Amino acid sequence: MKNKVIELDVREDLKNKLEPFEKITLAIAEVDIDDVFILHAPFKPVPLFGVLKAKGFEYKAEEIEKKHWKVTFTKRGASK
């Protein structure tokens, strides 16, 4: 079975001063072992790394351009 990839871009939300944490929480609820969650943000979302690590995720962050970070989270821990 192919692993799922869920992608979420919160740059516009943050630009409009909207808190994207609920959207992120809803998105990761659909992620199973070895699935991938890709987050696009205007900055490196360091506080999120610890939160998702505690939920079993590993991550790789890359700066695409100024104000565009792409973070790829892969679920490695226990399933939902």
Protein backbone atom coordinates (compact mmCIF):
# COMPACT_ATOMS: atom_id res chain seq x y z
CA MET A 1 0.00 0.00 0.00
CA LYS A 2 1.30 3.43 -0.97
CA ASN A 3 2.15 5.87 1.79
CA LYS A 4 -0.06 8.93 2.09
CA VAL A 5 1.25 12.47 1.59
CA ILE A 6 -0.68 15.35 3.16
CA GLU A 7 0.42 18.87 2.25
CA LEU A 8 -0.61 22.06 4.04
CA ASP A 9 0.39 25.65 3.29
CA VAL A 10 -0.14 28.03 6.23
CA ARG A 11 1.70 31.05 4.80
CA GLU A 12 -1.51 32.86 3.87
CA ASP A 13 -3.09 32.14 7.27
CA LEU A 14 -0.11 33.59 9.09
CA LYS A 15 0.00 36.58 6.75
CA ASN A 16 -3.63 37.23 7.74
CA LYS A 17 -2.75 36.78 11.44
CA LEU A 18 -4.71 33.51 11.73
CA GLU A 19 -3.37 30.78 14.04
CA PRO A 20 -2.82 27.61 11.92
CA PHE A 21 -2.25 25.15 14.80
CA GLU A 22 -5.77 23.69 14.58
CA LYS A 23 -5.37 23.08 10.82
CA ILE A 24 -2.04 21.38 11.47
CA THR A 25 -3.54 19.23 14.24
CA LEU A 26 -6.39 18.14 11.97
CA ALA A 27 -3.97 17.32 9.15
CA ILE A 28 -1.65 15.18 11.26
CA ALA A 29 -4.62 13.24 12.67
CA GLU A 30 -4.83 11.59 9.22
CA VAL A 31 -1.16 10.56 9.18
CA ASP A 32 -0.19 6.92 9.85
CA ILE A 33 3.22 5.22 10.20
CA ASP A 34 5.53 6.09 7.27
CA ASP A 35 3.06 8.64 5.88
CA VAL A 36 4.35 12.14 5.12
CA PHE A 37 3.03 15.54 6.18
CA ILE A 38 4.49 18.51 4.29
CA LEU A 39 4.09 21.95 5.83
CA HIS A 40 4.78 25.23 4.01
CA ALA A 41 5.37 28.17 6.37
CA PRO A 42 6.85 31.68 6.16
CA PHE A 43 9.47 30.83 8.82
CA LYS A 44 11.16 27.77 10.28
CA PRO A 45 8.47 26.49 12.70
CA VAL A 46 10.88 25.39 15.44
CA PRO A 47 8.25 25.16 18.26
CA LEU A 48 6.27 22.69 16.13
CA PHE A 49 9.25 20.33 15.85
CA GLY A 50 9.08 19.32 19.52
CA VAL A 51 5.29 18.97 19.47
CA LEU A 52 5.35 16.66 16.47
CA LYS A 53 8.41 14.76 17.67
CA ALA A 54 6.41 13.85 20.78
CA LYS A 55 3.74 12.44 18.43
CA GLY A 56 6.27 10.22 16.65
CA PHE A 57 7.37 12.43 13.75
CA GLU A 58 10.83 13.01 12.29
CA TYR A 59 11.37 16.12 10.18
CA LYS A 60 13.53 17.70 7.53
CA ALA A 61 13.33 21.50 7.09
CA GLU A 62 14.49 23.40 4.05
CA GLU A 63 14.36 27.08 3.20
CA ILE A 64 12.92 27.34 -0.32
CA GLU A 65 13.21 31.13 -0.46
CA LYS A 66 12.89 34.07 1.89
CA LYS A 67 9.62 33.62 3.82
CA HIS A 68 9.03 30.09 2.47
CA TRP A 69 10.06 27.07 4.49
CA LYS A 70 9.10 23.54 3.53
CA VAL A 71 9.14 21.03 6.37
CA THR A 72 8.66 17.36 5.63
CA PHE A 73 7.45 15.35 8.61
CA THR A 74 7.47 11.56 8.47
CA LYS A 75 5.56 9.55 11.07
CA ARG A 76 7.80 6.95 12.72
CA GLY A 77 6.18 6.45 16.14
CA ALA A 78 3.09 4.59 17.24
CA SER A 79 0.02 4.86 15.04
CA LYS A 80 -2.86 7.18 16.02
